[in-house]
Amino acid sequence: MRFDVVTLFPELFEPFASSGMVKRALDVGELALRFKNPREFGIGKHRGVDDTPYGGGAGMVMRVDCVVPCLEALDADAPNGEAAHRVLLSAQGRRLTQARVQALGSHRAVALICGRYEGIDERIKSFVAEELSLGDFVMSGGEIAAMAVIDACARLLPGVLGNPESLAEESHSPAQGGLLEYPQYTRPVEFRGARVPDILLSGDHARIAAWRREQAEARTAARREDP
């Protein structure tokens, strides 16, 4: 899977790509990352990529005539001619869910567009396939959201997780009906007066499975308004 990232700050991704699951995915050859800076297509001597909003208002807006050529340059130079599925990262987009992550993972190439300032000129939406958000809050740019998308997709790729079966039993997994994951424990059996539930020490796998399901359902009901 390939990610093309449109960002004014490609250097932010260097430490991100050099550790953890993302590095593993890169090392096994299941993931590829490319970055393109809209400033390469900036206007004037100083390569400006933003301007004041029409109609007035605070802040600056990224220019569509800098971002779209950036996307087109990535497509023109795409390996095997595979143009990317374009995703605008925005606080106004649909919330990212595990189902959306899996849908993104079905694409061989995805372009992630990271906004800055007050966002990108509204006309950018004519050049993207979808708009995604991490949640109902605002960040200073789309780079952290892009990292979240890449990380979430990378861990689903073959050979990245040490035990692929763990994907089936984690929070939001379709195999678990989208429930939150049940509580997990490991050694020691007791820590400062708090014990591991006896049922997990019983060796009765049927009872353990039933207990875990009950815990997952209760946790989901308590923590999610729309389980």
Protein backbone atom coordinates (compact mmCIF):
# COMPACT_ATOMS: atom_id res chain seq x y z
CA MET A 1 0.00 0.00 0.00
CA ARG A 2 1.25 3.49 -0.83
CA PHE A 3 0.49 6.76 0.90
CA ASP A 4 1.13 10.08 -0.85
CA VAL A 5 1.14 12.89 1.71
CA VAL A 6 0.63 16.53 0.74
CA THR A 7 2.11 18.58 3.56
CA LEU A 8 3.95 21.82 4.26
CA PHE A 9 5.96 19.97 6.93
CA PRO A 10 7.26 16.66 5.54
CA GLU A 11 10.00 16.65 8.17
CA LEU A 12 7.40 15.91 10.85
CA PHE A 13 7.04 12.42 9.40
CA GLU A 14 10.70 11.42 9.66
CA PRO A 15 10.65 10.14 13.27
CA PHE A 16 7.17 8.70 12.74
CA ALA A 17 8.37 6.55 9.83
CA SER A 18 11.48 5.35 11.65
CA SER A 19 9.87 3.39 14.49
CA GLY A 20 7.04 1.07 15.46
CA MET A 21 4.56 -0.61 13.15
CA VAL A 22 5.05 1.91 10.36
CA LYS A 23 8.78 1.15 10.17
CA ARG A 24 8.02 -2.56 10.23
CA ALA A 25 5.52 -2.17 7.39
CA LEU A 26 8.11 -0.22 5.39
CA ASP A 27 10.80 -2.80 6.15
CA VAL A 28 8.71 -5.77 4.97
CA GLY A 29 7.81 -3.89 1.81
CA GLU A 30 4.06 -3.71 2.42
CA LEU A 31 4.04 0.08 2.85
CA ALA A 32 5.48 2.95 0.82
CA LEU A 33 5.41 6.65 1.70
CA ARG A 34 5.85 9.65 -0.57
CA PHE A 35 5.69 13.31 0.40
CA LYS A 36 5.10 16.45 -1.62
CA ASN A 37 5.22 20.03 -0.38
CA PRO A 38 2.67 22.45 -1.90
CA ARG A 39 5.28 25.16 -1.53
CA GLU A 40 6.96 23.69 -4.61
CA PHE A 41 3.98 25.15 -6.45
CA GLY A 42 3.80 28.34 -4.41
CA ILE A 43 3.16 31.78 -5.82
CA GLY A 44 5.78 34.48 -6.30
CA LYS A 45 9.30 34.95 -5.02
CA HIS A 46 8.50 33.57 -1.57
CA ARG A 47 6.48 30.59 -2.82
CA GLY A 48 3.36 31.66 -0.97
CA VAL A 49 0.69 29.00 -0.51
CA ASP A 50 -1.94 30.97 1.41
CA ASP A 51 -3.90 34.21 1.14
CA THR A 52 -6.54 36.23 2.97
CA PRO A 53 -10.11 34.91 2.80
CA TYR A 54 -12.60 36.50 0.42
CA GLY A 55 -15.35 38.19 2.41
CA GLY A 56 -13.01 38.97 5.29
CA GLY A 57 -12.35 37.10 8.48
CA ALA A 58 -9.47 35.98 10.64
CA GLY A 59 -6.57 33.83 9.50
CA MET A 60 -5.28 32.72 6.14
CA VAL A 61 -6.55 30.13 3.67
CA MET A 62 -4.43 27.70 1.65
CA ARG A 63 -4.67 28.28 -2.08
CA VAL A 64 -6.30 25.60 -4.21
CA ASP A 65 -3.99 26.47 -7.11
CA CYS A 66 -1.02 25.31 -5.02
CA VAL A 67 -2.54 22.13 -3.59
CA VAL A 68 -4.13 20.66 -6.73
CA PRO A 69 -0.93 20.90 -8.84
CA CYS A 70 0.82 19.16 -5.96
CA LEU A 71 -1.65 16.26 -6.16
CA GLU A 72 -1.36 16.14 -9.93
CA ALA A 73 2.44 15.98 -9.73
CA LEU A 74 2.18 12.99 -7.39
CA ASP A 75 -0.19 11.23 -9.79
CA ALA A 76 2.04 11.99 -12.77
CA ASP A 77 4.99 10.37 -10.99
CA ALA A 78 3.03 7.48 -9.44
CA PRO A 79 4.69 4.05 -9.50
CA ASN A 80 3.01 1.81 -12.11
CA GLY A 81 0.79 4.75 -12.98
CA GLU A 82 -1.46 4.08 -9.97
CA ALA A 83 -3.15 7.35 -9.08
CA ALA A 84 -4.11 7.65 -5.42
CA HIS A 85 -7.54 7.76 -3.79
CA ARG A 86 -7.58 11.33 -2.47
CA VAL A 87 -8.54 12.10 1.13
CA LEU A 88 -8.81 15.59 2.60
CA LEU A 89 -8.08 15.63 6.34
CA SER A 90 -10.38 18.19 7.92
CA ALA A 91 -12.27 18.85 11.15
CA GLN A 92 -15.39 19.01 8.96
CA GLY A 93 -14.99 15.50 7.56
CA ARG A 94 -16.65 12.23 8.51
CA ARG A 95 -15.18 10.75 11.67
CA LEU A 96 -12.55 8.10 11.10
CA THR A 97 -13.68 4.64 12.23
CA GLN A 98 -12.17 1.17 12.00
CA ALA A 99 -14.57 0.46 9.14
CA ARG A 100 -13.23 3.48 7.25
CA VAL A 101 -9.66 2.38 7.97
CA GLN A 102 -10.41 -1.02 6.45
CA ALA A 103 -12.05 0.64 3.45
CA LEU A 104 -8.99 2.81 2.92
CA GLY A 105 -6.84 -0.30 3.17
CA SER A 106 -8.63 -1.70 0.11
CA HIS A 107 -6.96 0.96 -2.04
CA ARG A 108 -3.48 0.32 -3.37
CA ALA A 109 -2.66 4.04 -3.04
CA VAL A 110 -4.13 6.81 -0.89
CA ALA A 111 -3.28 10.53 -0.96
CA LEU A 112 -3.65 12.37 2.34
CA ILE A 113 -3.98 16.15 2.11
CA CYS A 114 -2.89 18.02 5.23
CA GLY A 115 -4.40 21.46 5.63
CA ARG A 116 -2.97 24.34 7.65
CA TYR A 117 -4.05 27.84 8.71
CA GLU A 118 -7.85 28.23 8.41
CA GLY A 119 -7.99 25.31 5.98
CA ILE A 120 -7.94 24.96 2.21
CA ASP A 121 -10.02 26.86 -0.33
CA GLU A 122 -13.42 25.11 -0.58
CA ARG A 123 -12.81 24.31 -4.23
CA ILE A 124 -10.34 21.59 -3.19
CA LYS A 125 -13.36 19.36 -2.52
CA SER A 126 -13.94 19.00 -6.26
CA PHE A 127 -10.58 17.23 -6.47
CA VAL A 128 -10.88 14.73 -3.60
CA ALA A 129 -12.84 11.52 -3.08
CA GLU A 130 -13.65 11.99 0.60
CA GLU A 131 -13.09 14.12 3.68
CA LEU A 132 -12.10 12.60 7.03
CA SER A 133 -11.69 13.86 10.59
CA LEU A 134 -10.22 12.30 13.73
CA GLY A 135 -13.09 13.71 15.78
CA ASP A 136 -14.96 16.80 16.82
CA PHE A 137 -11.97 18.97 17.68
CA VAL A 138 -9.52 21.20 15.83
CA MET A 139 -5.75 20.83 15.43
CA SER A 140 -3.23 23.20 13.91
CA GLY A 141 -2.79 21.00 10.84
CA GLY A 142 -3.57 17.66 9.24
CA GLU A 143 -0.19 16.02 9.79
CA ILE A 144 -1.09 14.23 13.03
CA ALA A 145 -4.33 13.02 11.45
CA ALA A 146 -2.35 11.72 8.48
CA MET A 147 -0.05 9.81 10.83
CA ALA A 148 -3.07 8.29 12.56
CA VAL A 149 -4.50 7.10 9.25
CA ILE A 150 -1.17 5.66 8.09
CA ASP A 151 -0.55 3.87 11.38
CA ALA A 152 -4.09 2.43 11.52
CA CYS A 153 -3.81 1.11 7.96
CA ALA A 154 -0.21 -0.12 8.29
CA ARG A 155 -0.98 -2.49 11.15
CA LEU A 156 -3.59 -4.25 8.96
CA LEU A 157 -1.05 -5.07 6.25
CA PRO A 158 0.24 -8.65 5.91
CA GLY A 159 3.33 -9.48 7.95
CA VAL A 160 3.23 -6.32 10.07
CA LEU A 161 1.65 -7.57 13.31
CA GLY A 162 3.48 -10.34 15.14
CA ASN A 163 0.19 -12.19 15.67
CA PRO A 164 -2.46 -11.39 13.05
CA GLU A 165 -5.14 -13.04 15.21
CA SER A 166 -4.97 -10.05 17.57
CA LEU A 167 -6.76 -8.00 14.91
CA ALA A 168 -9.90 -10.08 15.40
CA GLU A 169 -10.19 -9.49 19.15
CA GLU A 170 -9.39 -5.80 19.47
CA SER A 171 -11.71 -2.83 19.93
CA HIS A 172 -13.97 -2.01 16.96
CA SER A 173 -13.13 -5.27 15.19
CA PRO A 174 -15.93 -6.46 12.86
CA ALA A 175 -15.28 -9.98 14.18
CA GLN A 176 -16.37 -8.72 17.61
CA GLY A 177 -19.36 -6.81 16.30
CA GLY A 178 -17.61 -3.47 16.77
CA LEU A 179 -17.50 -3.81 20.57
CA LEU A 180 -14.77 -2.32 22.71
CA GLU A 181 -12.19 -4.85 23.78
CA TYR A 182 -12.57 -6.73 27.06
CA PRO A 183 -10.18 -5.98 29.98
CA GLN A 184 -6.69 -7.45 29.67
CA TYR A 185 -4.41 -8.63 32.52
CA THR A 186 -0.95 -10.12 32.89
CA ARG A 187 1.52 -10.85 35.73
CA PRO A 188 1.61 -10.22 38.64
CA VAL A 189 -1.60 -11.89 39.85
CA GLU A 190 -1.92 -9.22 42.54
CA PHE A 191 -0.67 -5.64 42.52
CA ARG A 192 -1.25 -3.30 45.46
CA GLY A 193 -4.41 -5.08 46.46
CA ALA A 194 -5.89 -5.41 42.98
CA ARG A 195 -6.18 -9.02 41.76
CA VAL A 196 -6.61 -10.53 38.36
CA PRO A 197 -10.21 -11.84 38.11
CA ASP A 198 -10.27 -15.47 39.23
CA ILE A 199 -12.08 -16.60 36.12
CA LEU A 200 -9.03 -15.75 33.99
CA LEU A 201 -6.95 -18.07 36.18
CA SER A 202 -9.47 -20.94 35.98
CA GLY A 203 -8.33 -22.50 32.72
CA ASP A 204 -11.98 -22.87 31.67
CA HIS A 205 -11.81 -21.41 28.16
CA ALA A 206 -15.57 -21.48 27.55
CA ARG A 207 -16.29 -19.53 30.73
CA ILE A 208 -13.43 -17.12 29.98
CA ALA A 209 -14.83 -16.46 26.49
CA ALA A 210 -18.30 -15.81 27.93
CA TRP A 211 -16.89 -13.48 30.60
CA ARG A 212 -14.91 -11.54 28.02
CA ARG A 213 -17.97 -11.11 25.84
CA GLU A 214 -19.99 -9.84 28.82
CA GLN A 215 -17.23 -7.40 29.73
CA ALA A 216 -16.95 -6.13 26.16
CA GLU A 217 -20.69 -5.53 25.93
CA ALA A 218 -20.82 -3.78 29.31
CA ARG A 219 -17.81 -1.61 28.52
CA THR A 220 -19.25 -0.61 25.15
CA ALA A 221 -22.63 0.25 26.65
CA ALA A 222 -20.98 2.39 29.34
CA ARG A 223 -18.52 4.25 27.13
CA ARG A 224 -20.23 4.60 23.77
CA GLU A 225 -23.49 6.38 23.06
CA ASP A 226 -23.82 4.57 19.74
CA PRO A 227 -22.30 1.08 20.27
